[in-house]
């Protein structure tokens, strides 16, 4: 079939819409495949975005207002035997360690930007294009139809997500490791807010039980797991849960196609890097296309391999570190408990090593390497 567009992006989530806007800036004809109806129900998710992701979204004029992108100025990570690590934005010489963005707000901003971009056509079904980019998420049907093997390692955990109100959060993010459970509180509603997004990883059976508990009982369990850090809690959103996994596609590119976002990789949410990795995919693919030789077509295999090489290495390192942390903190036994808590304390006192790791995690340098426009 004759290509009717330069690019067809299958998947209109945050990564797909961001990529569409970036490629439209390259004066390419973009088809964005979106469902006929938006998903219904309240979206309780919130994403921790690093400096590079913020700079990218700001370049598209899609950065949320301060109340919908709360800066995290302090973070405390607590082990299960008094070990802990503290990160402070002031010590790192940066405005924030991360920004906690409301998913619904971010998606609405990107949808509006797409609607007013004349080079993007929103379609209901895939159309012929020189290059197809698959951003459909981890359950991508298009990836399966291409025969791409997707190596999945289940964690045997589910993430429970919701939102609660308590004492003012003071722009602090908290994370607790307790046996096979990992709990995170992410500050919402701006610097003066008293609401946090909850991401609580636990066994499937416990997640299913907690989802059906009365609100008061759920909040009591949450107060106990958070050691009463924010005082009495009130549930202000529905509860959702989903299975957690480590997954990587064995190939990211092929004849006339490329993968991006969760269609190419998924990681445990404990380091908050999932969406940052997906946005970095979009930025890199846009960069490779912008910098291609004038005689290379968009589906040139060498061009697509440049993208794959650039992103696969970063994803491999990030997913490997995240996986190692998850396994260390869920390994039973006194020796593992002692090792991880001594490790937390030693890392907290490591000086420049801690600062170097923190700067890489929040991607301060990456904020200076935006796709050209």
Protein backbone atom coordinates (compact mmCIF):
# COMPACT_ATOMS: atom_id res chain seq x y z
CA UNK A 1 0.00 0.00 0.00
CA UNK A 2 1.13 3.54 -0.70
CA UNK A 3 2.18 5.43 2.43
CA UNK A 4 -0.25 8.22 3.24
CA UNK A 5 1.82 9.55 6.15
CA UNK A 6 5.47 9.81 7.08
CA UNK A 7 4.90 8.38 10.57
CA UNK A 8 2.10 6.31 12.08
CA UNK A 9 2.17 6.19 15.89
CA UNK A 10 0.11 3.38 17.38
CA UNK A 11 -0.83 4.47 20.88
CA UNK A 12 -2.03 7.87 22.08
CA UNK A 13 -0.79 7.81 25.66
CA UNK A 14 1.72 10.26 27.07
CA UNK A 15 4.67 8.82 25.15
CA UNK A 16 2.75 8.52 21.87
CA UNK A 17 1.40 12.07 21.98
CA UNK A 18 4.77 13.49 22.99
CA UNK A 19 6.45 11.72 20.08
CA UNK A 20 3.75 12.93 17.67
CA UNK A 21 4.34 16.55 18.72
CA UNK A 22 8.11 16.19 18.44
CA UNK A 23 7.90 14.71 14.94
CA UNK A 24 5.36 17.30 13.79
CA UNK A 25 8.04 19.90 14.60
CA UNK A 26 10.17 18.13 11.99
CA UNK A 27 7.46 18.98 9.43
CA UNK A 28 6.50 15.32 9.09
CA UNK A 29 2.98 14.08 8.41
CA UNK A 30 1.99 12.15 11.53
CA UNK A 31 -0.95 9.81 12.05
CA UNK A 32 -1.74 9.14 15.71
CA UNK A 33 -3.88 6.08 16.35
CA UNK A 34 -6.25 6.76 19.25
CA UNK A 35 -9.26 4.81 20.53
CA UNK A 36 -12.72 6.04 19.61
CA UNK A 37 -13.58 6.62 23.27
CA UNK A 38 -11.38 7.68 26.13
CA UNK A 39 -11.10 5.36 29.10
CA UNK A 40 -13.71 6.02 31.76
CA UNK A 41 -13.22 6.20 35.51
CA UNK A 42 -10.92 8.13 37.79
CA UNK A 43 -7.19 7.88 37.06
CA UNK A 44 -5.37 7.75 40.39
CA UNK A 45 -1.88 7.50 38.91
CA UNK A 46 0.82 10.13 39.33
CA UNK A 47 4.25 10.11 37.72
CA UNK A 48 7.59 11.24 39.11
CA UNK A 49 9.19 13.23 36.29
CA UNK A 50 12.88 14.13 36.23
CA UNK A 51 14.53 17.31 34.98
CA UNK A 52 14.96 15.97 31.44
CA UNK A 53 11.28 15.04 31.18
CA UNK A 54 10.24 18.44 32.47
CA UNK A 55 12.45 20.24 29.95
CA UNK A 56 11.07 18.09 27.14
CA UNK A 57 7.43 18.77 28.06
CA UNK A 58 8.12 22.46 28.57
CA UNK A 59 9.57 22.63 25.06
CA UNK A 60 6.18 21.39 23.83
CA UNK A 61 4.34 23.85 26.11
CA UNK A 62 2.72 20.93 27.89
CA UNK A 63 4.09 21.33 31.40
CA UNK A 64 1.29 21.37 34.01
CA UNK A 65 0.55 24.25 36.38
CA UNK A 66 2.32 24.16 39.79
CA UNK A 67 -0.66 22.54 41.53
CA UNK A 68 -0.56 19.62 39.07
CA UNK A 69 3.24 19.17 39.02
CA UNK A 70 4.44 19.33 42.61
CA UNK A 71 8.20 19.78 43.07
CA UNK A 72 9.84 17.30 45.45
CA UNK A 73 12.50 19.10 47.46
CA UNK A 74 13.27 16.27 49.88
CA UNK A 75 13.07 12.49 49.81
CA UNK A 76 13.55 9.95 52.57
CA UNK A 77 13.98 6.23 51.92
CA UNK A 78 13.52 3.99 54.97
CA UNK A 79 14.65 0.39 55.30
CA UNK A 80 13.13 -2.26 57.52
CA UNK A 81 15.71 -2.00 60.34
CA UNK A 82 16.43 1.71 60.84
CA UNK A 83 18.56 2.10 57.74
CA UNK A 84 17.66 5.21 55.74
CA UNK A 85 18.82 7.60 53.01
CA UNK A 86 17.93 11.28 52.67
CA UNK A 87 18.10 13.30 49.45
CA UNK A 88 17.81 17.08 49.43
CA UNK A 89 17.42 19.29 46.37
CA UNK A 90 19.32 22.17 47.97
CA UNK A 91 22.36 19.97 48.57
CA UNK A 92 22.35 19.00 44.89
CA UNK A 93 21.99 22.60 43.75
CA UNK A 94 18.72 21.98 41.95
CA UNK A 95 15.17 23.25 42.19
CA UNK A 96 13.66 19.82 42.79
CA UNK A 97 14.55 16.13 42.92
CA UNK A 98 11.50 15.37 40.78
CA UNK A 99 8.06 16.70 39.98
CA UNK A 100 4.98 14.61 40.79
CA UNK A 101 2.63 15.12 37.86
CA UNK A 102 -1.07 14.34 37.80
CA UNK A 103 -1.64 11.91 34.92
CA UNK A 104 -5.05 13.20 33.85
CA UNK A 105 -3.81 16.80 33.68
CA UNK A 106 -0.73 15.90 31.68
CA UNK A 107 -2.73 13.79 29.24
CA UNK A 108 -5.23 16.62 28.73
CA UNK A 109 -2.45 19.12 27.97
CA UNK A 110 -0.89 16.81 25.40
CA UNK A 111 -4.29 16.04 23.84
CA UNK A 112 -4.97 19.78 23.42
CA UNK A 113 -1.56 20.33 21.84
CA UNK A 114 -2.18 17.48 19.40
CA UNK A 115 -5.59 18.84 18.49
CA UNK A 116 -4.12 22.20 17.48
CA UNK A 117 -1.15 20.74 15.57
CA UNK A 118 -2.18 20.63 11.86
CA UNK A 119 0.52 18.10 10.94
CA UNK A 120 -0.97 15.47 13.25
CA UNK A 121 -4.04 13.54 12.16
CA UNK A 122 -5.79 11.51 14.84
CA UNK A 123 -7.08 8.27 13.31
CA UNK A 124 -8.98 5.26 14.65
CA UNK A 125 -7.09 2.57 12.76
CA UNK A 126 -3.43 2.26 11.65
CA UNK A 127 -2.68 3.82 8.27
CA UNK A 128 0.13 3.17 5.77
CA UNK A 129 3.27 5.14 6.65
CA UNK A 130 6.97 5.09 5.94
CA UNK A 131 7.66 4.37 9.61
CA UNK A 132 5.33 2.93 12.26
CA UNK A 133 6.15 3.56 15.92
CA UNK A 134 4.43 1.34 18.47
CA UNK A 135 3.62 3.03 21.79
CA UNK A 136 0.71 0.85 22.85
CA UNK A 137 1.97 -0.13 26.30
CA UNK A 138 3.21 -3.39 27.71
CA UNK A 139 0.26 -5.42 26.36
CA UNK A 140 0.85 -4.17 22.80
CA UNK A 141 -1.04 -6.18 20.20
CA UNK A 142 0.98 -4.66 17.35
CA UNK A 143 4.23 -5.85 18.93
CA UNK A 144 2.79 -9.34 19.24
CA UNK A 145 1.67 -9.29 15.59
CA UNK A 146 5.22 -8.42 14.53
CA UNK A 147 6.49 -11.51 16.34
CA UNK A 148 8.75 -9.55 18.69
CA UNK A 149 9.64 -11.59 21.75
CA UNK A 150 8.89 -9.76 25.00
CA UNK A 151 10.82 -11.26 27.90
CA UNK A 152 8.69 -10.90 31.02
CA UNK A 153 9.76 -11.62 34.61
CA UNK A 154 6.79 -11.34 36.99
CA UNK A 155 7.63 -9.98 40.44
CA UNK A 156 4.78 -11.76 42.15
CA UNK A 157 3.67 -8.35 43.38
CA UNK A 158 0.82 -6.01 42.58
CA UNK A 159 0.91 -2.23 42.89
CA UNK A 160 -1.99 -0.66 44.77
CA UNK A 161 -2.49 2.99 43.84
CA UNK A 162 -4.77 5.61 45.34
CA UNK A 163 -4.66 9.08 46.92
CA UNK A 164 -5.01 10.09 50.55
CA UNK A 165 -5.11 13.32 52.54
CA UNK A 166 -3.26 13.88 55.81
CA UNK A 167 -0.91 16.45 57.27
CA UNK A 168 0.82 18.84 54.79
CA UNK A 169 3.51 16.91 52.94
CA UNK A 170 6.08 19.70 52.86
CA UNK A 171 7.16 18.70 49.32
CA UNK A 172 8.68 15.51 50.73
CA UNK A 173 8.44 12.10 49.08
CA UNK A 174 8.62 9.07 51.35
CA UNK A 175 9.43 5.44 50.63
CA UNK A 176 9.35 2.53 53.04
CA UNK A 177 10.73 -0.98 52.46
CA UNK A 178 9.17 -3.51 54.81
CA UNK A 179 9.70 -7.17 54.02
CA UNK A 180 8.10 -7.92 50.68
CA UNK A 181 6.19 -4.62 50.63
CA UNK A 182 7.31 -1.25 49.25
CA UNK A 183 5.25 1.87 50.01
CA UNK A 184 5.71 5.31 48.45
CA UNK A 185 4.01 8.62 49.25
CA UNK A 186 4.33 11.18 46.45
CA UNK A 187 3.32 14.81 47.22
CA UNK A 188 0.44 16.33 45.24
CA UNK A 189 -1.49 19.61 44.87
CA UNK A 190 1.48 21.96 44.99
CA UNK A 191 3.98 22.99 47.68
CA UNK A 192 1.26 23.67 50.27
CA UNK A 193 -0.69 20.49 49.54
CA UNK A 194 -1.80 17.86 52.03
CA UNK A 195 -2.57 15.08 49.53
CA UNK A 196 -0.22 12.31 48.41
CA UNK A 197 -0.34 9.71 45.69
CA UNK A 198 0.10 6.22 47.10
CA UNK A 199 1.99 3.43 45.31
CA UNK A 200 2.06 0.32 47.48
CA UNK A 201 3.69 -2.87 46.17
CA UNK A 202 2.67 -6.13 47.82
CA UNK A 203 1.59 -9.70 47.16
CA UNK A 204 -1.34 -10.25 44.82
CA UNK A 205 -3.48 -11.75 47.58
CA UNK A 206 -2.93 -8.83 49.95
CA UNK A 207 -3.55 -6.31 47.15
CA UNK A 208 -6.86 -7.94 46.29
CA UNK A 209 -7.87 -8.00 49.96
CA UNK A 210 -6.95 -4.36 50.57
CA UNK A 211 -8.84 -3.20 47.50
CA UNK A 212 -12.09 -4.46 48.99
CA UNK A 213 -11.46 -3.32 52.58
CA UNK A 214 -13.67 -0.51 53.92
CA UNK A 215 -12.05 2.90 53.53
CA UNK A 216 -11.36 3.27 57.26
CA UNK A 217 -9.68 -0.13 57.49
CA UNK A 218 -7.55 0.57 54.41
CA UNK A 219 -6.42 3.92 55.82
CA UNK A 220 -5.54 2.32 59.15
CA UNK A 221 -3.35 -0.22 57.35
CA UNK A 222 -1.74 2.59 55.39
CA UNK A 223 -1.10 4.64 58.54
CA UNK A 224 0.63 1.65 60.11
CA UNK A 225 2.77 0.98 57.03
CA UNK A 226 3.82 4.65 56.88
CA UNK A 227 4.52 4.79 60.64
CA UNK A 228 1.98 7.61 61.01
CA UNK A 229 4.20 10.00 59.10
CA UNK A 230 1.29 12.10 57.80
CA UNK A 231 -1.01 11.45 60.74
CA UNK A 232 -4.61 10.22 60.28
CA UNK A 233 -5.34 9.60 56.60
CA UNK A 234 -8.50 10.08 54.56
CA UNK A 235 -9.04 8.26 51.27
CA UNK A 236 -9.84 10.75 48.48
CA UNK A 237 -9.70 8.51 45.38
CA UNK A 238 -10.60 4.97 44.28
CA UNK A 239 -8.13 2.13 44.72
CA UNK A 240 -6.60 0.39 41.72
CA UNK A 241 -4.12 -2.47 41.48
CA UNK A 242 -2.15 -4.16 38.71
CA UNK A 243 0.63 -6.78 38.42
CA UNK A 244 4.28 -5.70 38.41
CA UNK A 245 6.91 -7.09 36.09
CA UNK A 246 10.31 -6.55 34.56
CA UNK A 247 10.07 -6.81 30.77
CA UNK A 248 12.21 -6.02 27.74
CA UNK A 249 11.62 -6.51 24.03
CA UNK A 250 14.39 -8.49 22.33
CA UNK A 251 14.20 -6.15 19.35
CA UNK A 252 13.29 -2.48 19.33
CA UNK A 253 13.32 -1.93 15.58
CA UNK A 254 12.62 -3.80 12.37
CA UNK A 255 11.65 -3.20 8.74
CA UNK A 256 9.59 0.00 8.87
CA UNK A 257 8.82 -0.09 12.62
CA UNK A 258 10.16 0.84 16.04
CA UNK A 259 9.04 0.35 19.63
CA UNK A 260 8.93 3.03 22.34
CA UNK A 261 7.78 3.31 25.95
CA UNK A 262 6.20 0.36 27.74
CA UNK A 263 5.87 -1.51 24.45
CA UNK A 264 9.68 -1.84 24.59
CA UNK A 265 10.32 -2.08 28.34
CA UNK A 266 8.69 -2.01 31.78
CA UNK A 267 10.32 -1.61 35.19
CA UNK A 268 9.26 -1.82 38.83
CA UNK A 269 7.81 1.54 40.01
CA UNK A 270 10.06 1.75 43.08
CA UNK A 271 12.51 4.19 41.41
CA UNK A 272 9.82 6.15 39.54
CA UNK A 273 11.61 5.85 36.20
CA UNK A 274 8.95 4.23 33.99
CA UNK A 275 7.59 7.31 32.22
CA UNK A 276 10.98 9.04 32.23
CA UNK A 277 12.37 6.14 30.20
CA UNK A 278 9.46 6.33 27.75
CA UNK A 279 9.82 10.08 27.26
CA UNK A 280 13.55 9.61 26.72
CA UNK A 281 12.68 7.09 23.98
CA UNK A 282 10.51 9.70 22.25
CA UNK A 283 13.20 12.38 22.57
CA UNK A 284 15.92 10.11 21.18
CA UNK A 285 13.89 8.91 18.23
CA UNK A 286 13.04 12.52 17.36
CA UNK A 287 16.72 13.42 17.63
CA UNK A 288 17.86 10.56 15.40
CA UNK A 289 15.29 11.54 12.77
CA UNK A 290 16.27 15.21 12.97
CA UNK A 291 19.97 14.42 12.54
CA UNK A 292 19.62 11.83 9.77
CA UNK A 293 21.49 12.24 6.50
CA UNK A 294 19.30 13.90 3.88
CA UNK A 295 19.39 10.79 1.71
CA UNK A 296 18.23 8.35 4.43
CA UNK A 297 14.53 7.51 4.56
CA UNK A 298 12.66 7.29 7.85
CA UNK A 299 12.63 3.50 7.69
CA UNK A 300 16.35 3.13 6.94
CA UNK A 301 17.62 0.17 9.05
CA UNK A 302 20.85 1.93 10.02
CA UNK A 303 18.90 4.97 11.17
CA UNK A 304 16.59 2.90 13.34
CA UNK A 305 19.49 0.96 14.84
CA UNK A 306 21.01 4.24 16.00
CA UNK A 307 17.89 4.79 18.07
CA UNK A 308 17.88 1.24 19.38
CA UNK A 309 21.54 1.36 20.43
CA UNK A 310 21.15 4.71 22.17
CA UNK A 311 18.13 3.72 24.22
CA UNK A 312 18.68 0.02 24.90
CA UNK A 313 21.84 0.67 26.92
CA UNK A 314 20.18 3.26 29.17
CA UNK A 315 17.12 1.09 29.71
CA UNK A 316 19.29 -1.97 30.45
CA UNK A 317 21.19 -0.10 33.19
CA UNK A 318 18.12 1.51 34.76
CA UNK A 319 16.03 -1.65 34.73
CA UNK A 320 18.96 -3.68 36.06
CA UNK A 321 19.52 -1.35 39.01
CA UNK A 322 15.79 -1.19 39.77
CA UNK A 323 15.50 -4.97 39.63
CA UNK A 324 18.50 -5.42 41.94
CA UNK A 325 17.01 -3.03 44.53
CA UNK A 326 13.65 -4.78 44.38
CA UNK A 327 15.20 -8.21 44.87
CA UNK A 328 17.49 -7.06 47.68
CA UNK A 329 14.64 -5.55 49.68
CA UNK A 330 12.27 -8.47 49.19
CA UNK A 331 14.79 -11.22 49.94
CA UNK A 332 13.86 -12.89 53.25
CA UNK A 333 16.39 -13.67 55.95
CA UNK A 334 18.33 -11.80 58.61
CA UNK A 335 21.51 -11.61 56.51
CA UNK A 336 19.70 -9.81 53.69
CA UNK A 337 17.98 -7.50 56.16
CA UNK A 338 21.30 -6.57 57.77
CA UNK A 339 23.03 -6.09 54.42
CA UNK A 340 20.43 -3.78 52.92
CA UNK A 341 20.06 -1.59 56.01
CA UNK A 342 23.79 -1.24 56.54
CA UNK A 343 24.04 -0.47 52.85
CA UNK A 344 21.44 2.31 53.15
CA UNK A 345 23.28 3.88 56.06
CA UNK A 346 26.67 3.63 54.35
CA UNK A 347 25.30 5.12 51.15
CA UNK A 348 23.73 8.00 53.06
CA UNK A 349 27.18 8.85 54.47
CA UNK A 350 29.07 8.38 51.18
CA UNK A 351 29.34 12.06 50.29
CA UNK A 352 30.19 12.65 46.63
CA UNK A 353 29.16 9.10 45.65
CA UNK A 354 25.64 9.74 46.93
CA UNK A 355 25.52 13.08 45.12
CA UNK A 356 26.76 11.55 41.85
CA UNK A 357 24.17 8.77 41.98
CA UNK A 358 21.40 11.23 42.87
CA UNK A 359 22.29 13.59 40.02
CA UNK A 360 22.18 10.71 37.55
CA UNK A 361 18.87 9.47 38.94
CA UNK A 362 17.18 12.85 38.54
CA UNK A 363 18.93 13.36 35.18
CA UNK A 364 20.11 16.92 35.72
CA UNK A 365 22.52 16.68 32.79
CA UNK A 366 19.85 15.20 30.54
CA UNK A 367 17.80 18.37 30.94
CA UNK A 368 20.35 20.11 28.74
CA UNK A 369 20.06 17.69 25.83
CA UNK A 370 16.64 18.30 24.29
CA UNK A 371 15.73 17.22 20.77
CA UNK A 372 16.43 20.10 18.32
CA UNK A 373 13.48 22.23 17.21
